[in-house]
N, C-alpha and C. Protein backbone atom coordinates (compact mmCIF):
# COMPACT_ATOMS: atom_id res chain seq x y z
N MET A 1 2.61 23.52 30.65
CA MET A 1 1.65 22.63 31.27
C MET A 1 1.05 21.72 30.20
N LYS A 2 0.92 20.46 30.54
CA LYS A 2 0.36 19.50 29.60
C LYS A 2 -1.16 19.64 29.54
N LYS A 3 -1.70 19.26 28.40
CA LYS A 3 -3.14 19.35 28.15
C LYS A 3 -3.65 17.99 27.70
N LEU A 4 -4.96 17.83 27.68
CA LEU A 4 -5.56 16.62 27.13
C LEU A 4 -6.00 16.90 25.70
N TRP A 5 -5.76 15.92 24.84
CA TRP A 5 -6.10 16.01 23.41
C TRP A 5 -6.90 14.78 23.03
N ILE A 6 -7.89 14.96 22.17
CA ILE A 6 -8.64 13.82 21.64
C ILE A 6 -8.33 13.71 20.15
N LEU A 7 -7.95 12.52 19.74
CA LEU A 7 -7.61 12.25 18.34
C LEU A 7 -8.59 11.23 17.79
N GLN A 8 -9.13 11.52 16.60
CA GLN A 8 -10.11 10.64 15.97
C GLN A 8 -9.90 10.66 14.45
N PRO A 9 -10.31 9.60 13.76
CA PRO A 9 -10.27 9.63 12.29
C PRO A 9 -11.19 10.72 11.75
N VAL A 10 -10.79 11.36 10.68
CA VAL A 10 -11.67 12.31 10.00
C VAL A 10 -12.83 11.54 9.38
N ASP A 11 -12.54 10.38 8.80
CA ASP A 11 -13.57 9.51 8.21
C ASP A 11 -13.19 8.06 8.52
N ASP A 12 -13.83 7.47 9.53
CA ASP A 12 -13.44 6.11 9.93
C ASP A 12 -13.95 5.03 8.99
N GLY A 13 -14.65 5.42 7.92
CA GLY A 13 -15.08 4.47 6.91
C GLY A 13 -14.21 4.51 5.67
N ALA A 14 -13.11 5.24 5.76
CA ALA A 14 -12.21 5.40 4.61
C ALA A 14 -10.84 4.81 4.95
N ASP A 15 -10.03 4.65 3.93
CA ASP A 15 -8.66 4.20 4.11
C ASP A 15 -7.94 5.18 5.02
N PRO A 16 -7.18 4.80 5.98
CA PRO A 16 -6.64 3.47 6.25
C PRO A 16 -7.42 2.65 7.28
N TRP A 17 -8.65 3.07 7.59
CA TRP A 17 -9.45 2.34 8.59
C TRP A 17 -10.42 1.35 7.95
N LEU A 18 -10.33 1.11 6.67
CA LEU A 18 -11.31 0.26 5.97
C LEU A 18 -11.40 -1.15 6.53
N SER A 19 -10.28 -1.73 6.93
CA SER A 19 -10.32 -3.10 7.44
C SER A 19 -11.11 -3.19 8.74
N PHE A 20 -11.17 -2.10 9.48
CA PHE A 20 -11.89 -1.98 10.74
C PHE A 20 -11.29 -2.83 11.86
N HIS A 21 -10.68 -3.94 11.51
CA HIS A 21 -10.09 -4.83 12.52
C HIS A 21 -8.65 -4.42 12.80
N ASN A 22 -8.24 -4.59 14.04
CA ASN A 22 -6.88 -4.30 14.47
C ASN A 22 -6.47 -2.85 14.25
N CYS A 23 -7.45 -1.95 14.28
CA CYS A 23 -7.19 -0.53 14.11
C CYS A 23 -7.56 0.23 15.37
N MET A 24 -6.85 1.29 15.63
CA MET A 24 -7.20 2.21 16.71
C MET A 24 -8.11 3.27 16.11
N PHE A 25 -9.16 3.66 16.84
CA PHE A 25 -10.12 4.64 16.33
C PHE A 25 -10.20 5.91 17.16
N GLU A 26 -9.56 5.92 18.31
CA GLU A 26 -9.66 7.12 19.14
C GLU A 26 -8.60 7.07 20.23
N PHE A 27 -8.04 8.22 20.53
CA PHE A 27 -7.09 8.36 21.63
C PHE A 27 -7.44 9.60 22.43
N VAL A 28 -7.23 9.54 23.72
CA VAL A 28 -7.17 10.73 24.57
C VAL A 28 -5.75 10.72 25.12
N VAL A 29 -5.03 11.80 24.86
CA VAL A 29 -3.60 11.85 25.14
C VAL A 29 -3.28 13.08 26.00
N ARG A 30 -2.39 12.91 26.95
CA ARG A 30 -1.87 14.05 27.72
C ARG A 30 -0.54 14.44 27.07
N ALA A 31 -0.45 15.69 26.62
CA ALA A 31 0.76 16.15 25.93
C ALA A 31 0.85 17.67 26.00
N MET A 32 2.04 18.18 25.71
CA MET A 32 2.27 19.63 25.73
C MET A 32 1.58 20.34 24.56
N ASN A 33 1.54 19.67 23.39
CA ASN A 33 1.00 20.31 22.19
C ASN A 33 0.49 19.24 21.22
N GLU A 34 -0.09 19.69 20.11
CA GLU A 34 -0.66 18.76 19.13
C GLU A 34 0.39 17.82 18.55
N GLU A 35 1.56 18.34 18.25
CA GLU A 35 2.62 17.49 17.67
C GLU A 35 2.97 16.34 18.60
N GLU A 36 3.13 16.64 19.88
CA GLU A 36 3.45 15.59 20.85
C GLU A 36 2.28 14.61 21.00
N ALA A 37 1.05 15.12 20.98
CA ALA A 37 -0.13 14.25 21.08
C ALA A 37 -0.19 13.29 19.89
N ARG A 38 0.05 13.81 18.69
CA ARG A 38 0.03 12.96 17.50
C ARG A 38 1.15 11.92 17.55
N THR A 39 2.30 12.30 18.06
CA THR A 39 3.42 11.36 18.18
C THR A 39 3.08 10.23 19.14
N GLN A 40 2.47 10.57 20.28
CA GLN A 40 2.09 9.55 21.25
C GLN A 40 1.04 8.59 20.66
N ALA A 41 0.07 9.14 19.95
CA ALA A 41 -0.95 8.30 19.31
C ALA A 41 -0.31 7.40 18.25
N ALA A 42 0.58 7.95 17.45
CA ALA A 42 1.22 7.17 16.38
C ALA A 42 2.00 5.98 16.94
N LYS A 43 2.56 6.13 18.12
CA LYS A 43 3.30 5.04 18.76
C LYS A 43 2.39 3.87 19.13
N GLN A 44 1.08 4.13 19.25
CA GLN A 44 0.12 3.09 19.64
C GLN A 44 -0.75 2.64 18.47
N ALA A 45 -0.39 3.03 17.25
CA ALA A 45 -1.21 2.72 16.07
C ALA A 45 -1.36 1.23 15.86
N GLY A 46 -2.49 0.86 15.28
CA GLY A 46 -2.72 -0.52 14.88
C GLY A 46 -2.45 -0.65 13.39
N ASP A 47 -3.28 -1.45 12.72
CA ASP A 47 -3.09 -1.68 11.28
C ASP A 47 -3.30 -0.44 10.43
N GLU A 48 -3.92 0.60 10.97
CA GLU A 48 -4.07 1.85 10.22
C GLU A 48 -2.73 2.54 10.00
N GLY A 49 -1.75 2.22 10.84
CA GLY A 49 -0.40 2.75 10.70
C GLY A 49 -0.22 4.10 11.37
N PRO A 50 1.01 4.41 11.75
CA PRO A 50 1.29 5.67 12.45
C PRO A 50 1.02 6.91 11.61
N ASP A 51 1.18 6.82 10.30
CA ASP A 51 0.95 8.00 9.45
C ASP A 51 -0.47 8.52 9.56
N ALA A 52 -1.41 7.64 9.87
CA ALA A 52 -2.81 8.05 10.02
C ALA A 52 -2.96 9.07 11.14
N TRP A 53 -2.14 8.96 12.17
CA TRP A 53 -2.24 9.85 13.33
C TRP A 53 -1.39 11.09 13.17
N PHE A 54 -0.37 11.04 12.31
CA PHE A 54 0.44 12.23 12.03
C PHE A 54 -0.25 13.17 11.05
N SER A 55 -1.14 12.65 10.22
CA SER A 55 -1.76 13.42 9.14
C SER A 55 -3.03 14.13 9.60
N SER A 56 -3.07 15.46 9.47
CA SER A 56 -4.29 16.20 9.80
C SER A 56 -5.37 16.00 8.74
N ARG A 57 -5.00 15.43 7.60
CA ARG A 57 -5.97 15.08 6.56
C ARG A 57 -6.74 13.81 6.94
N LEU A 58 -6.09 12.93 7.70
CA LEU A 58 -6.70 11.65 8.07
C LEU A 58 -7.27 11.62 9.48
N SER A 59 -6.72 12.43 10.38
CA SER A 59 -7.19 12.41 11.77
C SER A 59 -7.23 13.83 12.35
N SER A 60 -8.19 14.02 13.25
CA SER A 60 -8.28 15.30 13.96
C SER A 60 -7.58 15.17 15.30
N CYS A 61 -7.13 16.31 15.81
CA CYS A 61 -6.49 16.37 17.11
C CYS A 61 -6.96 17.66 17.76
N VAL A 62 -7.84 17.53 18.76
CA VAL A 62 -8.48 18.70 19.35
C VAL A 62 -8.19 18.72 20.85
N GLU A 63 -7.81 19.88 21.35
CA GLU A 63 -7.58 20.02 22.78
C GLU A 63 -8.90 19.90 23.52
N LEU A 64 -8.90 19.12 24.59
CA LEU A 64 -10.07 19.00 25.45
C LEU A 64 -9.97 20.06 26.53
N LYS A 65 -10.83 21.03 26.48
CA LYS A 65 -10.80 22.13 27.45
C LYS A 65 -11.77 21.83 28.59
N SER A 66 -11.38 22.20 29.78
CA SER A 66 -12.21 21.91 30.95
C SER A 66 -13.43 22.81 31.05
N ASP A 67 -13.46 23.91 30.31
CA ASP A 67 -14.58 24.83 30.42
C ASP A 67 -15.66 24.60 29.36
N GLY A 68 -15.63 23.46 28.72
CA GLY A 68 -16.64 23.14 27.70
C GLY A 68 -17.95 22.71 28.30
N ARG A 69 -18.86 22.33 27.41
CA ARG A 69 -20.18 21.87 27.86
C ARG A 69 -20.06 20.51 28.53
N SER A 70 -21.04 20.18 29.35
CA SER A 70 -21.06 18.87 30.00
C SER A 70 -21.34 17.81 28.95
N GLU A 71 -20.51 16.80 28.89
CA GLU A 71 -20.67 15.74 27.90
C GLU A 71 -19.79 14.55 28.25
N VAL A 72 -20.12 13.40 27.72
CA VAL A 72 -19.25 12.24 27.81
C VAL A 72 -18.17 12.44 26.75
N VAL A 73 -16.93 12.41 27.15
CA VAL A 73 -15.83 12.64 26.22
C VAL A 73 -15.40 11.35 25.53
N LEU A 74 -15.38 10.25 26.29
CA LEU A 74 -14.94 9.00 25.72
C LEU A 74 -15.72 7.87 26.38
N ALA A 75 -16.21 6.95 25.61
CA ALA A 75 -16.92 5.78 26.12
C ALA A 75 -16.42 4.54 25.38
N ALA A 76 -16.39 3.42 26.05
CA ALA A 76 -15.98 2.17 25.43
C ALA A 76 -17.13 1.17 25.54
N TYR A 77 -17.46 0.53 24.44
CA TYR A 77 -18.57 -0.41 24.40
C TYR A 77 -18.16 -1.61 23.59
N ASN A 78 -18.46 -2.80 24.08
CA ASN A 78 -18.13 -4.03 23.38
C ASN A 78 -19.43 -4.79 23.17
N ARG A 79 -19.92 -4.77 21.94
CA ARG A 79 -21.19 -5.43 21.61
C ARG A 79 -21.03 -6.95 21.64
N ALA A 80 -22.00 -7.62 22.22
CA ALA A 80 -22.00 -9.08 22.24
C ALA A 80 -22.17 -9.61 20.82
N GLN A 81 -21.46 -10.65 20.52
CA GLN A 81 -21.51 -11.25 19.17
C GLN A 81 -22.51 -12.39 19.15
């Protein structure tokens, strides 16, 4: 059975996310396991590059369990310039 996974940078102020522009900063992925989730995220990488999503040193990949606490899991916000 497939699960939901959330992938995020370990430190989004460090390389390879330093440019901040044209980079992906978070994914929620449906996959069988962590390896598949990282592969799916890497296919959608921006300027940070796919290796950022394959590396557990650079990004986290955590299963989203349905029995957790009530919380917003993902939000998108676009600040006016």
